[in-house]
C-alpha atoms as a PDB file:
ATOM      1  CA  MET A   1      14.783  54.048-112.469  1.00  0.00           C
ATOM      2  CA  ALA A   2      13.518  51.723-110.370  1.00  0.00           C
ATOM      3  CA  ALA A   3      11.755  48.852-111.363  1.00  0.00           C
ATOM      4  CA  ASN A   4       8.290  48.918-109.635  1.00  0.00           C
ATOM      5  CA  SER A   5       8.232  46.430-107.855  1.00  0.00           C
ATOM      6  CA  ARG A   6       3.776  45.932-106.550  1.00  0.00           C
ATOM      7  CA  LEU A   7       3.448  43.173-109.145  1.00  0.00           C
ATOM      8  CA  THR A   8       5.912  41.320-106.438  1.00  0.00           C
ATOM      9  CA  ILE A   9       4.885  42.217-103.112  1.00  0.00           C
ATOM     10  CA  ALA A  10       0.964  40.791-103.998  1.00  0.00           C
ATOM     11  CA  THR A  11       2.738  37.690-105.394  1.00  0.00           C
ATOM     12  CA  HIS A  12       4.304  36.986-102.125  1.00  0.00           C
ATOM     13  CA  VAL A  13       1.654  38.553-100.289  1.00  0.00           C
ATOM     14  CA  LEU A  14       0.136  36.010-101.686  1.00  0.00           C
ATOM     15  CA  ALA A  15       1.530  33.163-101.757  1.00  0.00           C
ATOM     16  CA  TRP A  16       2.252  33.590 -98.079  1.00  0.00           C
ATOM     17  CA  LEU A  17      -1.186  33.106 -97.143  1.00  0.00           C
ATOM     18  CA  ALA A  18      -1.700  30.142 -99.458  1.00  0.00           C
ATOM     19  CA  LEU A  19       0.716  28.767 -98.191  1.00  0.00           C
ATOM     20  CA  ALA A  20      -1.125  29.424 -94.704  1.00  0.00           C
ATOM     21  CA  GLN A  21      -3.787  27.936 -95.529  1.00  0.00           C
ATOM     22  CA  ARG A  22      -2.532  24.929 -96.440  1.00  0.00           C
ATOM     23  CA  GLN A  23      -1.125  24.617 -93.354  1.00  0.00           C
ATOM     24  CA  GLY A  24      -4.313  25.434 -91.649  1.00  0.00           C
ATOM     25  CA  GLN A  25      -3.664  28.907 -90.717  1.00  0.00           C
ATOM     26  CA  GLU A  26      -7.282  30.871 -91.888  1.00  0.00           C
ATOM     27  CA  VAL A  27      -6.036  34.474 -91.666  1.00  0.00           C
ATOM     28  CA  LEU A  28      -3.099  35.677 -91.348  1.00  0.00           C
ATOM     29  CA  THR A  29      -2.640  39.220 -90.204  1.00  0.00           C
ATOM     30  CA  SER A  30      -0.643  42.497 -91.435  1.00  0.00           C
ATOM     31  CA  GLU A  31       1.862  42.067 -89.561  1.00  0.00           C
ATOM     32  CA  GLN A  32       2.583  38.633 -90.242  1.00  0.00           C
ATOM     33  CA  VAL A  33       2.704  39.192 -93.805  1.00  0.00           C
ATOM     34  CA  ALA A  34       5.058  41.941 -93.762  1.00  0.00           C
ATOM     35  CA  ALA A  35       7.439  40.130 -91.662  1.00  0.00           C
ATOM     36  CA  SER A  36       7.588  37.570 -94.469  1.00  0.00           C
ATOM     37  CA  VAL A  37       8.070  40.494 -96.444  1.00  0.00           C
ATOM     38  CA  ASN A  38      10.480  42.624 -94.934  1.00  0.00           C
ATOM     39  CA  THR A  39       8.335  45.272 -95.091  1.00  0.00           C
ATOM     40  CA  ASN A  40       6.597  47.747 -93.489  1.00  0.00           C
ATOM     41  CA  ALA A  41       2.788  46.070 -92.924  1.00  0.00           C
ATOM     42  CA  VAL A  42       0.997  49.402 -94.044  1.00  0.00           C
ATOM     43  CA  VAL A  43       2.501  48.673 -97.782  1.00  0.00           C
ATOM     44  CA  ILE A  44       1.245  45.297 -96.867  1.00  0.00           C
ATOM     45  CA  ARG A  45      -2.352  47.087 -96.692  1.00  0.00           C
ATOM     46  CA  ARG A  46      -2.169  49.013 -98.617  1.00  0.00           C
ATOM     47  CA  SER A  47      -1.511  45.520-101.229  1.00  0.00           C
ATOM     48  CA  LEU A  48      -4.192  43.793 -99.581  1.00  0.00           C
ATOM     49  CA  GLY A  49      -6.660  46.640-100.049  1.00  0.00           C
ATOM     50  CA  ASP A  50      -5.866  46.172-103.983  1.00  0.00           C
ATOM     51  CA  LEU A  51      -6.570  42.589-103.621  1.00  0.00           C
ATOM     52  CA  ARG A  52      -9.140  42.796-101.704  1.00  0.00           C
ATOM     53  CA  ARG A  53     -11.463  45.388-104.059  1.00  0.00           C
ATOM     54  CA  ALA A  54     -10.383  42.944-106.520  1.00  0.00           C
ATOM     55  CA  GLY A  55     -11.999  39.823-105.079  1.00  0.00           C
ATOM     56  CA  LEU A  56      -8.457  37.629-104.558  1.00  0.00           C
ATOM     57  CA  VAL A  57      -8.207  38.552-100.356  1.00  0.00           C
ATOM     58  CA  GLU A  58     -10.890  38.552 -98.076  1.00  0.00           C
ATOM     59  CA  VAL A  59     -10.611  40.834 -95.085  1.00  0.00           C
ATOM     60  CA  ARG A  60     -12.168  39.481 -91.150  1.00  0.00           C
ATOM     61  CA  HIS A  61     -12.744  42.143 -87.965  1.00  0.00           C
ATOM     62  CA  GLY A  62     -12.624  41.399 -84.724  1.00  0.00           C
ATOM     63  CA  ALA A  63     -11.776  39.019 -83.395  1.00  0.00           C
ATOM     64  CA  GLY A  64      -9.568  35.740 -85.494  1.00  0.00           C
ATOM     65  CA  ALA A  65      -9.052  38.939 -87.254  1.00  0.00           C
ATOM     66  CA  GLY A  66      -6.970  39.225 -89.802  1.00  0.00           C
ATOM     67  CA  TRP A  67      -7.125  38.377 -94.186  1.00  0.00           C
ATOM     68  CA  SER A  68      -7.281  35.536 -95.926  1.00  0.00           C
ATOM     69  CA  LEU A  69      -7.997  33.791-100.320  1.00  0.00           C
ATOM     70  CA  ALA A  70     -10.588  34.330-101.574  1.00  0.00           C
ATOM     71  CA  ARG A  71     -10.736  31.895-103.823  1.00  0.00           C
ATOM     72  CA  ASP A  72      -8.617  29.406-104.220  1.00  0.00           C
ATOM     73  CA  PRO A  73      -5.239  29.556-105.916  1.00  0.00           C
ATOM     74  CA  GLU A  74      -5.617  27.391-108.374  1.00  0.00           C
ATOM     75  CA  GLY A  75      -7.311  29.749-109.499  1.00  0.00           C
ATOM     76  CA  ILE A  76      -5.976  33.177-109.365  1.00  0.00           C
ATOM     77  CA  THR A  77      -3.887  34.281-112.186  1.00  0.00           C
ATOM     78  CA  LEU A  78       0.030  36.882-112.296  1.00  0.00           C
ATOM     79  CA  LEU A  79      -3.094  38.761-114.311  1.00  0.00           C
ATOM     80  CA  GLU A  80      -5.499  38.787-111.929  1.00  0.00           C
ATOM     81  CA  VAL A  81      -2.711  40.077-109.339  1.00  0.00           C
ATOM     82  CA  TYR A  82      -0.606  42.156-112.061  1.00  0.00           C
ATOM     83  CA  ASP A  83      -4.283  43.983-112.674  1.00  0.00           C
ATOM     84  CA  ALA A  84      -4.766  44.126-108.874  1.00  0.00           C
ATOM     85  CA  VAL A  85      -2.220  45.937-108.583  1.00  0.00           C
ATOM     86  CA  ASP A  86      -2.627  48.644-110.927  1.00  0.00           C
ATOM     87  CA  ALA A  87       1.862  48.011-112.823  1.00  0.00           C
ATOM     88  CA  GLN A  88       1.500  49.450-115.286  1.00  0.00           C
ATOM     89  CA  PRO A  89       3.151  48.216-118.294  1.00  0.00           C
ATOM     90  CA  PRO A  90       6.096  47.090-118.814  1.00  0.00           C
ATOM     91  CA  PHE A  91       7.689  49.779-121.018  1.00  0.00           C
ATOM     92  CA  GLY A  92       6.737  53.347-121.150  1.00  0.00           C
ATOM     93  CA  LEU A  93       7.295  56.138-124.355  1.00  0.00           C
ATOM     94  CA  HIS A  94       8.524  59.392-123.185  1.00  0.00           C
ATOM     95  CA  ARG A  95       6.697  62.212-121.376  1.00  0.00           C
ATOM     96  CA  SER A  96       7.500  64.337-123.981  1.00  0.00           C
ATOM     97  CA  GLU A  97       6.988  64.350-127.237  1.00  0.00           C
ATOM     98  CA  PRO A  98       9.716  64.362-128.907  1.00  0.00           C
ATOM     99  CA  ASN A  99      10.930  66.966-131.862  1.00  0.00           C
ATOM    100  CA  ALA A 100       9.034  66.187-134.899  1.00  0.00           C
ATOM    101  CA  GLU A 101      11.765  67.720-136.354  1.00  0.00           C
ATOM    102  CA  CYS A 102      13.236  65.199-135.984  1.00  0.00           C
ATOM    103  CA  PRO A 103      13.753  62.282-138.395  1.00  0.00           C
ATOM    104  CA  VAL A 104      13.652  59.673-135.159  1.00  0.00           C
ATOM    105  CA  GLY A 105      11.874  62.006-133.858  1.00  0.00           C
ATOM    106  CA  ARG A 106       9.136  61.946-135.326  1.00  0.00           C
ATOM    107  CA  GLY A 107       8.939  57.691-135.825  1.00  0.00           C
ATOM    108  CA  ILE A 108      10.048  56.045-132.522  1.00  0.00           C
ATOM    109  CA  ARG A 109       7.126  56.426-131.048  1.00  0.00           C
ATOM    110  CA  PRO A 110       5.044  54.122-133.639  1.00  0.00           C
ATOM    111  CA  ALA A 111       8.031  52.313-134.330  1.00  0.00           C
ATOM    112  CA  LEU A 112       9.094  51.341-130.687  1.00  0.00           C
ATOM    113  CA  GLY A 113       4.401  50.790-129.728  1.00  0.00           C
ATOM    114  CA  GLY A 114       4.681  48.412-131.861  1.00  0.00           C
ATOM    115  CA  VAL A 115       6.756  46.748-130.222  1.00  0.00           C
ATOM    116  CA  TYR A 116       6.574  47.237-126.751  1.00  0.00           C
ATOM    117  CA  GLY A 117       2.472  46.262-127.433  1.00  0.00           C
ATOM    118  CA  ARG A 118       3.852  42.871-128.614  1.00  0.00           C
ATOM    119  CA  VAL A 119       5.943  42.691-125.451  1.00  0.00           C
ATOM    120  CA  GLU A 120       3.136  43.628-123.348  1.00  0.00           C
ATOM    121  CA  ARG A 121       0.874  40.912-124.981  1.00  0.00           C
ATOM    122  CA  ALA A 122       3.306  38.151-124.178  1.00  0.00           C
ATOM    123  CA  MET A 123       3.962  39.355-120.517  1.00  0.00           C
ATOM    124  CA  ARG A 124      -0.201  39.128-120.303  1.00  0.00           C
ATOM    125  CA  GLN A 125      -0.781  35.846-121.688  1.00  0.00           C
ATOM    126  CA  GLU A 126       2.906  34.541-119.196  1.00  0.00           C
ATOM    127  CA  LEU A 127       0.680  35.836-116.814  1.00  0.00           C
ATOM    128  CA  ALA A 128      -2.345  34.065-117.000  1.00  0.00           C
ATOM    129  CA  HIS A 129      -1.309  31.160-117.265  1.00  0.00           C
ATOM    130  CA  THR A 130       0.883  31.262-113.868  1.00  0.00           C
ATOM    131  CA  SER A 131      -1.435  31.003-110.837  1.00  0.00           C
ATOM    132  CA  ILE A 132      -0.064  31.732-107.539  1.00  0.00           C
ATOM    133  CA  ALA A 133      -0.498  27.925-106.458  1.00  0.00           C
ATOM    134  CA  ASP A 134       2.316  27.695-109.520  1.00  0.00           C
ATOM    135  CA  VAL A 135       4.120  29.968-107.597  1.00  0.00           C
ATOM    136  CA  LEU A 136       3.866  28.679-104.554  1.00  0.00           C
ATOM    137  CA  ARG A 137       5.064  25.433-105.442  1.00  0.00           C
ATOM    138  CA  GLU A 138       7.932  27.375-107.172  1.00  0.00           C
ATOM    139  CA  THR A 139       8.613  29.597-104.651  1.00  0.00           C
ATOM    140  CA  LEU A 140       8.579  25.832-101.579  1.00  0.00           C
ATOM    141  CA  VAL A 141      11.114  23.751-104.401  1.00  0.00           C
ATOM    142  CA  ASN A 142      14.135  26.539-103.579  1.00  0.00           C
END
């Protein structure tokens, strides 16, 4: 199964916008952002649309068109980004109901549901304590 990269792409986009802003470039086009992510601009525009609906970025039309952060990068948490891109929980249960006649099939969902719930709570807590500015600082160190 392929990993969902929507959070990673959106975080990359926001960090790149934050760096551009820091360097005095207030807006970037989706093509400029796509070049950094090394993906198609359509993928970036989809991500930027999600981020705009969440109030994390703004779009400017006309002369000087492009995208910019709607808030200070210190005030944007990875949890907000995660929620904006509608990322799925880290683990999913069976798509179909397991065999209730099997002792494992009968109890696997409740057993794993509790574990997965705790994992997701811990993940959300960590994401809530990490800002785009934190990610940018760490990125520039490497």
